[in-house]
């Protein structure tokens, strides 16, 4: 991740007057889709899967940016049909 420069632009929708370029509050990442899942994987399905009970998304219970372990991602890819 890197500092979200839009937080310092008063003309931008995501401007945050409290954010300081020297100690940024907001960060961003670049993501790119690699391959679509063949089967949709839903949040209820993830929550019901015993293999994912320790996943941060399940334990924290917030739809936000959370870490995903490599083994968790591999399992989710299997569920989506792209193992």
N, C-alpha and C. Protein backbone atom coordinates (compact mmCIF):
# COMPACT_ATOMS: atom_id res chain seq x y z
N UNK A 1 0.81 -1.18 0.00
CA UNK A 1 0.00 0.00 0.00
C UNK A 1 0.86 1.25 0.00
N UNK A 2 0.25 2.32 -0.39
CA UNK A 2 0.93 3.61 -0.40
C UNK A 2 -0.07 4.70 -0.04
N UNK A 3 0.43 5.87 0.39
CA UNK A 3 -0.48 6.93 0.83
C UNK A 3 -1.48 7.32 -0.25
N UNK A 4 -2.71 7.52 0.16
CA UNK A 4 -3.79 7.92 -0.75
C UNK A 4 -3.71 9.43 -0.97
N UNK A 5 -3.17 9.81 -2.11
CA UNK A 5 -2.97 11.23 -2.44
C UNK A 5 -4.28 11.99 -2.58
N UNK A 6 -5.38 11.30 -2.82
CA UNK A 6 -6.67 12.01 -2.98
C UNK A 6 -7.14 12.62 -1.66
N UNK A 7 -6.62 12.13 -0.55
CA UNK A 7 -7.00 12.68 0.76
C UNK A 7 -6.52 14.11 0.94
N UNK A 8 -5.53 14.52 0.16
CA UNK A 8 -4.96 15.87 0.31
C UNK A 8 -5.49 16.84 -0.73
N UNK A 9 -6.38 16.40 -1.60
CA UNK A 9 -6.92 17.25 -2.67
C UNK A 9 -8.30 17.76 -2.29
N UNK A 10 -8.42 19.06 -1.97
CA UNK A 10 -9.72 19.60 -1.54
C UNK A 10 -10.83 19.46 -2.58
N UNK A 11 -10.46 19.25 -3.83
CA UNK A 11 -11.45 19.10 -4.90
C UNK A 11 -11.92 17.66 -5.06
N UNK A 12 -11.29 16.74 -4.36
CA UNK A 12 -11.61 15.32 -4.51
C UNK A 12 -12.67 14.90 -3.50
N UNK A 13 -13.50 13.92 -3.89
CA UNK A 13 -14.55 13.41 -3.01
C UNK A 13 -13.99 12.81 -1.71
N UNK A 14 -12.76 12.33 -1.74
CA UNK A 14 -12.18 11.66 -0.58
C UNK A 14 -11.22 12.57 0.20
N UNK A 15 -11.32 13.86 0.01
CA UNK A 15 -10.49 14.82 0.74
C UNK A 15 -10.72 14.67 2.23
N UNK A 16 -9.63 14.69 3.00
CA UNK A 16 -9.69 14.64 4.45
C UNK A 16 -8.75 15.71 5.00
N UNK A 17 -9.32 16.78 5.48
CA UNK A 17 -8.53 17.91 5.96
C UNK A 17 -7.59 17.52 7.10
N UNK A 18 -7.89 16.46 7.81
CA UNK A 18 -7.05 16.03 8.94
C UNK A 18 -5.87 15.17 8.50
N UNK A 19 -5.90 14.68 7.26
CA UNK A 19 -4.82 13.82 6.78
C UNK A 19 -3.61 14.68 6.41
N UNK A 20 -2.43 14.25 6.87
CA UNK A 20 -1.19 14.98 6.67
C UNK A 20 -0.25 14.15 5.79
N UNK A 21 0.28 14.72 4.71
CA UNK A 21 1.19 13.95 3.85
C UNK A 21 2.40 13.39 4.58
N UNK A 22 2.82 14.03 5.68
CA UNK A 22 3.98 13.53 6.42
C UNK A 22 3.63 12.32 7.29
N UNK A 23 2.38 12.22 7.71
CA UNK A 23 1.90 11.07 8.48
C UNK A 23 0.51 10.71 7.95
N UNK A 24 0.46 10.08 6.79
CA UNK A 24 -0.82 9.81 6.13
C UNK A 24 -1.76 8.96 6.97
N UNK A 25 -3.04 9.29 6.87
CA UNK A 25 -4.10 8.53 7.53
C UNK A 25 -4.61 7.44 6.61
N UNK A 26 -4.70 7.75 5.33
CA UNK A 26 -5.34 6.86 4.35
C UNK A 26 -4.30 6.28 3.40
N UNK A 27 -4.48 4.99 3.09
CA UNK A 27 -3.60 4.29 2.16
C UNK A 27 -4.44 3.63 1.07
N UNK A 28 -3.81 3.35 -0.04
CA UNK A 28 -4.50 2.67 -1.14
C UNK A 28 -3.62 1.56 -1.69
N UNK A 29 -4.24 0.64 -2.39
CA UNK A 29 -3.52 -0.44 -3.07
C UNK A 29 -4.06 -0.54 -4.48
N UNK A 30 -3.27 -1.07 -5.35
CA UNK A 30 -3.71 -1.34 -6.72
C UNK A 30 -4.03 -2.83 -6.81
N UNK A 31 -5.18 -3.15 -7.35
CA UNK A 31 -5.57 -4.54 -7.52
C UNK A 31 -5.95 -4.78 -8.98
N UNK A 32 -5.81 -6.01 -9.39
CA UNK A 32 -6.12 -6.38 -10.76
C UNK A 32 -6.74 -7.78 -10.74
N UNK A 33 -7.88 -7.91 -11.39
CA UNK A 33 -8.50 -9.24 -11.50
C UNK A 33 -7.62 -10.12 -12.38
N UNK A 34 -7.42 -11.33 -11.94
CA UNK A 34 -6.58 -12.27 -12.68
C UNK A 34 -7.44 -13.27 -13.44
N UNK A 35 -8.47 -13.78 -12.77
CA UNK A 35 -9.31 -14.80 -13.36
C UNK A 35 -10.66 -14.79 -12.64
N UNK A 36 -11.75 -14.85 -13.40
CA UNK A 36 -13.07 -14.88 -12.73
C UNK A 36 -13.33 -16.25 -12.13
N UNK A 37 -14.07 -16.25 -11.03
CA UNK A 37 -14.52 -17.52 -10.46
C UNK A 37 -15.60 -18.10 -11.36
N UNK A 38 -15.64 -19.42 -11.45
CA UNK A 38 -16.70 -20.09 -12.21
C UNK A 38 -17.99 -20.11 -11.41
N UNK A 39 -17.84 -20.13 -10.08
CA UNK A 39 -18.98 -20.19 -9.16
C UNK A 39 -18.86 -19.06 -8.16
N UNK A 40 -19.95 -18.35 -7.93
CA UNK A 40 -19.93 -17.27 -6.95
C UNK A 40 -19.72 -17.85 -5.56
N UNK A 41 -18.89 -17.19 -4.78
CA UNK A 41 -18.66 -17.57 -3.39
C UNK A 41 -19.24 -16.46 -2.53
N UNK A 42 -20.25 -16.78 -1.75
CA UNK A 42 -20.97 -15.78 -0.97
C UNK A 42 -20.42 -15.66 0.44
N UNK A 43 -20.70 -14.54 1.08
CA UNK A 43 -20.29 -14.35 2.47
C UNK A 43 -20.92 -15.41 3.39
N UNK A 44 -22.22 -15.71 3.26
CA UNK A 44 -22.77 -16.78 4.10
C UNK A 44 -22.05 -18.12 3.89
N UNK A 45 -21.65 -18.39 2.67
CA UNK A 45 -20.92 -19.63 2.39
C UNK A 45 -19.56 -19.62 3.10
N UNK A 46 -18.86 -18.49 3.06
CA UNK A 46 -17.58 -18.39 3.75
C UNK A 46 -17.76 -18.57 5.25
N UNK A 47 -18.79 -17.94 5.80
CA UNK A 47 -19.04 -18.02 7.25
C UNK A 47 -19.39 -19.44 7.69
N UNK A 48 -20.00 -20.21 6.81
CA UNK A 48 -20.43 -21.57 7.16
C UNK A 48 -19.33 -22.61 6.93
N UNK A 49 -18.25 -22.22 6.29
CA UNK A 49 -17.21 -23.18 5.94
C UNK A 49 -16.26 -23.42 7.13
N UNK A 50 -16.19 -24.65 7.64
CA UNK A 50 -15.33 -24.94 8.79
C UNK A 50 -13.85 -24.64 8.54
N UNK A 51 -13.42 -24.69 7.29
CA UNK A 51 -12.02 -24.43 6.97
C UNK A 51 -11.65 -22.96 7.11
N UNK A 52 -12.65 -22.09 7.22
CA UNK A 52 -12.39 -20.65 7.27
C UNK A 52 -12.75 -20.00 8.60
N UNK A 53 -12.95 -20.79 9.63
CA UNK A 53 -13.39 -20.23 10.92
C UNK A 53 -12.38 -19.27 11.53
N UNK A 54 -11.11 -19.41 11.20
CA UNK A 54 -10.07 -18.54 11.75
C UNK A 54 -9.76 -17.35 10.84
N UNK A 55 -10.44 -17.26 9.70
CA UNK A 55 -10.20 -16.16 8.76
C UNK A 55 -10.58 -14.83 9.40
N UNK A 56 -9.74 -13.81 9.21
CA UNK A 56 -9.98 -12.49 9.82
C UNK A 56 -11.35 -11.93 9.43
N UNK A 57 -11.77 -12.12 8.22
CA UNK A 57 -13.08 -11.63 7.78
C UNK A 57 -14.20 -12.23 8.61
N UNK A 58 -14.06 -13.48 8.97
CA UNK A 58 -15.09 -14.16 9.75
C UNK A 58 -14.99 -13.78 11.23
N UNK A 59 -13.80 -13.73 11.76
CA UNK A 59 -13.61 -13.44 13.18
C UNK A 59 -13.92 -11.98 13.52
N UNK A 60 -13.54 -11.06 12.65
CA UNK A 60 -13.75 -9.64 12.92
C UNK A 60 -15.19 -9.26 12.63
N UNK A 61 -15.76 -9.86 11.61
CA UNK A 61 -17.16 -9.62 11.29
C UNK A 61 -17.45 -8.31 10.59
N UNK A 62 -16.44 -7.72 9.98
CA UNK A 62 -16.64 -6.47 9.24
C UNK A 62 -16.25 -6.70 7.79
N UNK A 63 -17.02 -6.13 6.89
CA UNK A 63 -16.64 -6.18 5.48
C UNK A 63 -15.72 -4.99 5.23
N UNK A 64 -14.45 -5.24 5.35
CA UNK A 64 -13.45 -4.20 5.21
C UNK A 64 -12.22 -4.86 4.60
N UNK A 65 -11.12 -4.16 4.63
CA UNK A 65 -9.88 -4.74 4.15
C UNK A 65 -9.29 -5.56 5.28
N UNK A 66 -9.15 -6.84 5.04
CA UNK A 66 -8.58 -7.74 6.04
C UNK A 66 -7.55 -8.64 5.36
N UNK A 67 -6.56 -9.11 6.12
CA UNK A 67 -5.59 -10.03 5.52
C UNK A 67 -6.24 -11.38 5.21
N UNK A 68 -5.75 -12.00 4.16
CA UNK A 68 -6.21 -13.34 3.78
C UNK A 68 -4.97 -14.21 3.64
N UNK A 69 -4.89 -15.26 4.43
CA UNK A 69 -3.75 -16.17 4.37
C UNK A 69 -3.76 -16.93 3.04
N UNK A 70 -2.59 -17.33 2.62
CA UNK A 70 -2.46 -18.05 1.34
C UNK A 70 -3.33 -19.30 1.31
N UNK A 71 -3.37 -20.04 2.41
CA UNK A 71 -4.19 -21.27 2.47
C UNK A 71 -5.68 -20.93 2.38
N UNK A 72 -6.08 -19.83 3.02
CA UNK A 72 -7.48 -19.40 2.95
C UNK A 72 -7.85 -19.03 1.51
N UNK A 73 -6.96 -18.28 0.86
CA UNK A 73 -7.23 -17.88 -0.52
C UNK A 73 -7.30 -19.10 -1.44
N UNK A 74 -6.41 -20.05 -1.26
CA UNK A 74 -6.44 -21.26 -2.06
C UNK A 74 -7.76 -22.00 -1.88
N UNK A 75 -8.24 -22.07 -0.64
CA UNK A 75 -9.51 -22.73 -0.36
C UNK A 75 -10.67 -21.98 -1.03
N UNK A 76 -10.67 -20.66 -0.94
CA UNK A 76 -11.73 -19.85 -1.57
C UNK A 76 -11.70 -20.03 -3.08
N UNK A 77 -10.51 -20.10 -3.66
CA UNK A 77 -10.40 -20.33 -5.10
C UNK A 77 -10.99 -21.68 -5.47
N UNK A 78 -10.77 -22.69 -4.63
CA UNK A 78 -11.37 -24.01 -4.88
C UNK A 78 -12.88 -23.91 -4.86
N UNK A 79 -13.41 -23.18 -3.86
CA UNK A 79 -14.86 -23.00 -3.78
C UNK A 79 -15.39 -22.31 -5.04
N UNK A 80 -14.60 -21.39 -5.57
CA UNK A 80 -15.01 -20.66 -6.76
C UNK A 80 -14.75 -21.41 -8.06
N UNK A 81 -14.15 -22.58 -7.96
CA UNK A 81 -13.95 -23.41 -9.14
C UNK A 81 -12.73 -23.05 -9.97
N UNK A 82 -11.76 -22.40 -9.35
CA UNK A 82 -10.55 -22.03 -10.11
C UNK A 82 -9.28 -22.45 -9.39
N UNK A 83 -9.29 -23.62 -8.81
CA UNK A 83 -8.14 -24.10 -8.03
C UNK A 83 -6.90 -24.22 -8.83
